[in-house]
Protein backbone atom coordinates (compact mmCIF):
# COMPACT_ATOMS: atom_id res chain seq x y z
CA ARG A 1 -0.16 -0.14 0.10
CA PHE A 2 3.16 2.46 -0.76
CA GLY A 3 1.88 6.10 -1.30
CA VAL A 4 -1.95 4.52 -0.73
CA PRO A 5 -3.83 7.09 1.76
CA VAL A 6 -4.55 5.69 5.14
CA SER A 7 -8.02 6.24 6.82
CA GLU A 8 -7.67 7.36 10.71
CA ILE A 9 -9.24 5.18 13.40
CA ASP A 10 -10.21 6.92 16.49
CA THR A 11 -10.78 4.77 19.88
CA ILE A 12 -12.02 6.48 22.94
CA GLN A 13 -10.96 3.81 26.05
CA TYR A 14 -11.93 4.44 29.20
CA GLY A 15 -12.99 2.27 32.79
CA LEU A 16 -12.91 2.60 36.62
CA GLY A 17 -11.53 0.17 39.09
CA VAL A 18 -10.59 -1.27 42.43
CA GLU A 19 -6.81 -1.85 43.58
CA GLY A 20 -5.99 -3.54 46.71
CA THR A 21 -2.54 -3.41 48.08
CA ASP A 22 -0.62 -5.18 51.08
CA ILE A 23 2.98 -4.45 52.18
CA THR A 24 5.19 -5.82 54.42
CA THR A 25 8.37 -3.98 55.75
CA PHE A 26 11.44 -5.13 57.45
CA ALA A 27 14.04 -3.58 59.41
CA ALA A 28 16.10 -3.25 56.06
CA SER A 29 13.72 -2.25 53.56
CA PRO A 30 14.14 0.24 51.13
CA LEU A 31 13.52 3.80 52.91
CA TYR A 32 10.74 4.93 50.34
CA TYR A 33 9.06 1.07 51.30
CA LEU A 34 8.84 2.80 54.69
CA ASP A 35 7.76 5.70 53.69
CA TYR A 36 4.67 4.72 51.52
CA VAL A 37 3.38 2.59 54.80
CA ARG A 38 4.31 5.52 56.91
CA VAL A 39 1.79 7.57 54.67
CA PHE A 40 -0.62 4.97 53.75
CA GLY A 41 -0.58 2.29 55.94
CA ASN A 42 0.03 -1.63 55.39
CA HIS A 43 -2.76 -1.87 53.46
CA ASN A 44 -5.01 0.60 51.19
CA THR A 45 -7.37 0.22 48.67
CA ALA A 46 -7.44 2.36 45.62
CA LEU A 47 -10.25 3.83 43.25
CA VAL A 48 -8.81 4.09 39.79
CA GLY A 49 -10.18 6.03 37.52
CA THR A 50 -8.89 5.82 33.34
CA VAL A 51 -9.24 7.24 30.01
CA GLY A 52 -7.39 6.92 27.14
CA TRP A 53 -7.28 8.31 23.05
CA VAL A 54 -6.26 6.32 20.18
CA ARG A 55 -5.62 7.47 16.64
CA ASP A 56 -4.29 4.86 14.32
CA GLY A 57 -3.57 5.92 10.79
CA ARG A 58 -0.79 3.43 10.11
CA ASP A 59 -1.20 1.07 6.55
CA SER A 60 -0.37 -1.95 8.66
CA LEU A 61 -0.83 -3.37 12.14
CA ILE A 62 1.93 -5.65 11.36
CA TYR A 63 4.26 -4.08 8.69
CA PRO A 64 3.54 -0.65 8.86
CA THR A 65 5.25 1.80 5.94
CA SER A 66 3.55 5.06 6.04
CA GLY A 67 1.18 6.25 8.73
CA SER A 68 0.85 7.75 12.39
CA TYR A 69 -0.09 6.29 15.51
CA HIS A 70 -1.20 8.77 18.58
CA ARG A 71 -2.19 7.35 22.01
CA ALA A 72 -2.72 9.33 25.16
CA PHE A 73 -3.64 8.16 28.35
CA VAL A 74 -4.32 9.38 31.91
CA ASP A 75 -5.12 7.17 35.14
CA SER A 76 -5.81 8.25 38.60
CA GLY A 77 -6.54 7.38 42.39
CA ILE A 78 -9.79 9.11 43.16
CA PRO A 79 -11.70 10.23 46.09
CA GLY A 80 -13.44 7.08 47.22
CA GLY A 81 -10.04 5.43 47.95
CA SER A 82 -6.97 5.77 50.36
CA LEU A 83 -4.42 6.67 47.19
CA ARG A 84 -4.56 10.53 45.30
CA TYR A 85 -2.02 10.38 42.37
CA TYR A 86 -2.18 10.78 38.41
CA ARG A 87 -0.22 9.84 35.79
CA ALA A 88 -0.46 11.24 31.91
CA ASN A 89 1.02 9.41 29.58
CA TYR A 90 1.25 10.47 25.79
CA GLN A 91 2.84 8.42 22.82
CA TYR A 92 3.58 9.52 19.31
CA GLN A 93 4.66 7.26 16.09
CA ARG A 94 5.09 8.08 12.38
CA TYR A 95 6.27 6.00 9.61
CA PHE A 96 7.83 8.31 6.91
CA PRO A 97 8.14 5.87 3.63
CA ILE A 98 11.09 6.56 1.63
CA THR A 99 11.13 3.25 -1.02
CA ARG A 100 8.73 0.79 -1.36
CA ASP A 101 11.06 -1.16 1.58
CA TYR A 102 12.83 1.52 3.23
CA VAL A 103 11.22 3.30 6.26
CA LEU A 104 12.35 5.60 8.60
CA MET A 105 10.39 5.18 11.62
CA TRP A 106 10.38 7.77 14.65
CA ASN A 107 8.33 6.73 18.22
CA GLY A 108 8.01 9.32 21.09
CA GLU A 109 6.81 8.71 24.39
CA ILE A 110 6.32 11.17 27.40
CA GLY A 111 4.82 10.21 31.26
CA ILE A 112 4.39 12.69 34.22
CA GLY A 113 3.08 11.29 37.43
CA GLY A 114 2.43 12.97 40.76
CA GLY A 115 0.42 12.89 44.06
CA TYR A 116 -2.35 14.92 45.27
CA GLY A 117 -4.33 15.87 48.50
CA GLY A 118 -1.13 16.15 50.01
CA LYS A 119 -0.13 12.59 49.37
CA PRO A 120 2.62 11.45 46.93
CA LEU A 121 2.81 8.96 43.72
CA PRO A 122 3.02 5.46 45.21
CA PHE A 123 6.32 3.98 44.60
CA PHE A 124 4.77 1.26 42.33
CA LYS A 125 2.99 3.90 39.98
CA ASN A 126 6.81 5.15 39.13
CA TYR A 127 8.03 5.30 35.53
CA PHE A 128 10.99 3.02 34.29
CA ALA A 129 13.11 2.84 31.15
CA GLY A 130 15.40 0.33 29.84
CA GLY A 131 14.84 -2.96 27.52
CA VAL A 132 13.78 -3.99 24.23
CA ASN A 133 10.58 -1.60 23.74
CA SER A 134 12.08 1.06 25.61
CA VAL A 135 16.39 1.93 25.46
CA ARG A 136 17.77 -1.11 24.05
CA GLY A 137 21.39 -1.90 25.50
CA TYR A 138 20.01 -1.47 28.81
CA ARG A 139 18.41 -3.81 31.42
CA LEU A 140 15.06 -3.77 31.65
CA ASN A 141 13.65 -0.95 34.25
CA SER A 142 17.33 -0.19 35.21
CA ILE A 143 17.19 3.42 34.17
CA ALA A 144 15.69 5.06 36.91
CA PRO A 145 16.23 6.80 40.35
CA ARG A 146 17.94 4.68 42.56
CA ASP A 147 16.97 3.64 46.15
CA ASP A 148 19.60 3.47 49.01
CA ASN A 149 20.69 -0.16 47.97
CA ASN A 150 21.66 1.11 44.36
CA ASP A 151 18.53 -0.47 42.95
CA PRO A 152 16.20 1.03 40.79
CA ARG A 153 13.13 2.66 42.34
CA GLY A 154 11.66 4.49 39.47
CA GLY A 155 10.81 8.42 38.96
CA THR A 156 7.90 10.64 38.33
CA ARG A 157 8.99 11.64 34.74
CA LYS A 158 9.45 9.79 31.59
CA LEU A 159 10.52 11.09 28.13
CA LEU A 160 11.64 8.56 25.06
CA SER A 161 12.59 8.54 21.54
CA ASN A 162 13.34 5.91 18.80
CA LEU A 163 14.47 6.27 15.82
CA GLU A 164 14.63 3.48 13.31
CA PHE A 165 15.51 2.41 9.55
CA LEU A 166 13.61 -0.30 8.43
CA PHE A 167 14.83 -2.01 5.86
CA PRO A 168 14.05 -5.88 4.44
CA PHE A 169 15.97 -8.78 5.38
CA PRO A 170 18.64 -9.36 2.97
CA GLY A 171 17.73 -11.86 0.10
CA MET A 172 14.31 -11.52 1.25
CA ASN A 173 12.66 -8.78 0.07
CA ASN A 174 9.17 -10.26 -0.86
CA ASP A 175 8.90 -11.72 2.52
CA ARG A 176 6.56 -9.45 4.65
CA SER A 177 7.05 -11.21 7.69
CA VAL A 178 10.64 -10.21 7.98
CA ARG A 179 12.26 -7.26 8.47
CA MET A 180 15.50 -5.42 9.87
CA SER A 181 16.23 -2.32 11.68
CA ALA A 182 19.09 0.43 12.27
CA PHE A 183 18.28 2.04 15.91
CA ILE A 184 19.03 4.85 17.86
CA ASP A 185 17.72 4.90 21.29
CA ALA A 186 17.33 7.98 23.87
CA GLY A 187 15.16 7.64 27.37
CA ALA A 188 15.62 9.42 30.45
CA VAL A 189 13.51 8.57 34.17
CA TYR A 190 13.94 11.21 36.86
CA ASP A 191 12.23 12.69 39.79
CA PRO A 192 12.41 16.40 40.58
CA GLN A 193 11.81 15.56 44.45
CA ALA A 194 14.49 12.88 44.53
CA SER A 195 15.94 12.50 47.90
CA ASN A 196 18.57 9.93 48.75
CA ALA A 197 20.74 9.34 51.92
CA ASN A 198 23.59 8.36 50.33
CA ALA A 199 25.42 10.78 48.42
CA GLN A 200 27.33 8.06 45.97
CA ILE A 201 24.16 6.86 44.80
CA PRO A 202 22.84 8.96 41.60
CA GLN A 203 19.96 11.23 42.26
CA TYR A 204 18.61 11.59 38.71
CA LYS A 205 16.41 14.61 39.78
CA SER A 206 16.89 16.46 36.30
CA LEU A 207 17.08 14.99 32.25
CA GLY A 208 20.72 15.79 32.08
CA GLN A 209 21.37 13.34 35.09
CA SER A 210 19.16 10.50 33.41
CA ILE A 211 19.01 10.62 29.92
CA ARG A 212 20.80 7.49 28.12
CA PHE A 213 21.41 6.80 24.50
CA ALA A 214 21.95 3.63 23.16
CA GLY A 215 22.41 2.34 19.12
CA GLY A 216 22.28 -1.12 17.33
CA THR A 217 20.51 -3.36 14.92
CA SER A 218 17.34 -5.00 15.69
CA LEU A 219 15.09 -8.20 13.48
CA LEU A 220 11.38 -8.39 13.59
CA TRP A 221 9.77 -11.42 12.86
CA VAL A 222 5.47 -12.08 12.44
CA SER A 223 5.87 -15.89 13.37
CA PRO A 224 3.02 -18.36 13.29
CA PHE A 225 3.07 -17.54 17.08
CA GLY A 226 3.18 -13.66 16.95
CA PRO A 227 5.69 -11.13 16.73
CA LEU A 228 9.31 -11.75 17.54
CA LYS A 229 11.98 -8.76 18.26
CA PHE A 230 15.67 -9.78 18.92
CA SER A 231 18.14 -6.63 19.41
CA VAL A 232 21.78 -6.14 19.45
CA GLY A 233 21.92 -2.66 21.48
CA VAL A 234 25.09 -0.88 22.59
CA PRO A 235 24.90 2.25 24.85
CA ILE A 236 26.24 5.13 23.97
CA GLY A 237 28.33 7.48 26.77
CA ARG A 238 27.63 4.89 29.13
CA LYS A 239 28.45 6.03 33.01
CA PRO A 240 29.65 4.29 35.89
CA GLY A 241 26.69 1.92 37.48
CA ASP A 242 24.74 1.63 34.18
CA GLN A 243 23.65 -1.76 33.62
CA ARG A 244 23.93 -2.97 29.74
CA GLN A 245 21.95 -5.68 28.03
CA ILE A 246 23.90 -6.10 24.54
CA MET A 247 21.49 -8.96 23.60
CA GLN A 248 17.30 -8.66 24.19
CA PHE A 249 14.27 -9.97 22.93
CA THR A 250 10.46 -9.94 23.45
CA PHE A 251 7.45 -11.78 22.05
CA GLY A 252 4.20 -10.38 21.21
CA GLY A 253 4.68 -6.88 20.48
CA VAL A 254 6.32 -4.32 18.93
CA PHE A 255 6.69 -0.15 19.77
C-alpha cells in the first residue's frame, strides 16, 4: 500500500476499577517502602479511574510503512480510595516511507506523574526505562532513580525517543514477515523531588542526569505464534553504574 492514503481510526477507552495493596516491611526495607507505609499504611484500597484516546493511521498493524499513531492515557487514584495520584502519558509514532521497502520510523513518549491532596505518587506507579521496547542495550527498567541499595526505584517523569531505519532482511525482499532495522534510542526517567541519604548513589533529579543513549540493530519476525523481536544494542556514553544488556528479545509486540 505504498503511497496509498490511510484512514485514521479513533478509539476512546475509559474504565473504573478497585485496587488493593498489602505491603510487609522489615528493618532492612528500602526507605521509600517505609515512607509509603508511613503515609498510606500497610494495606489500602484505591479507586482508579482511567481514560484514553487512540488514533491509528498506520497502513498496517504488522508491517507499517506509512502513517501515524497517537495514544494518550490518564489514570488516577480518585476520591473514594486512599491513594491520590495521577499519571498522564502520550505516545506519538510516525512512519516516513523512503521507498517501497525502506522506511524511517520515529517513536516518542512522555509520561508525567505525581500526587495530590498532600500525598505522593505511590512507588509502584513510578516510571522506568531500559529494555527491548524502550532503550535497548540497557537492562529492563534499569534507567531510573535508585534507592539506598542502588536498585532502580523509578521516577515521576519519563521521556523516550526511538529512531529506526527499517529495511528488508537481506535476500528476503518479498517476505513481509521479516525485516530488520538500525536504531538510535534515547530515554530518561527522573524525579525532581528525589532524595537519597547516600550521596554516592545518582540522584537523577533532572533530565540531564538521567538521559541515556544507545544504538544497534534489530530483527522483527512476524511468526505464526506472534511478533518476535531480537535486538543487539550498545549504550552510547555509558556512565558508571549503568546496567547494560547487549542482546535482548521480546515476544508479542513492538513499539
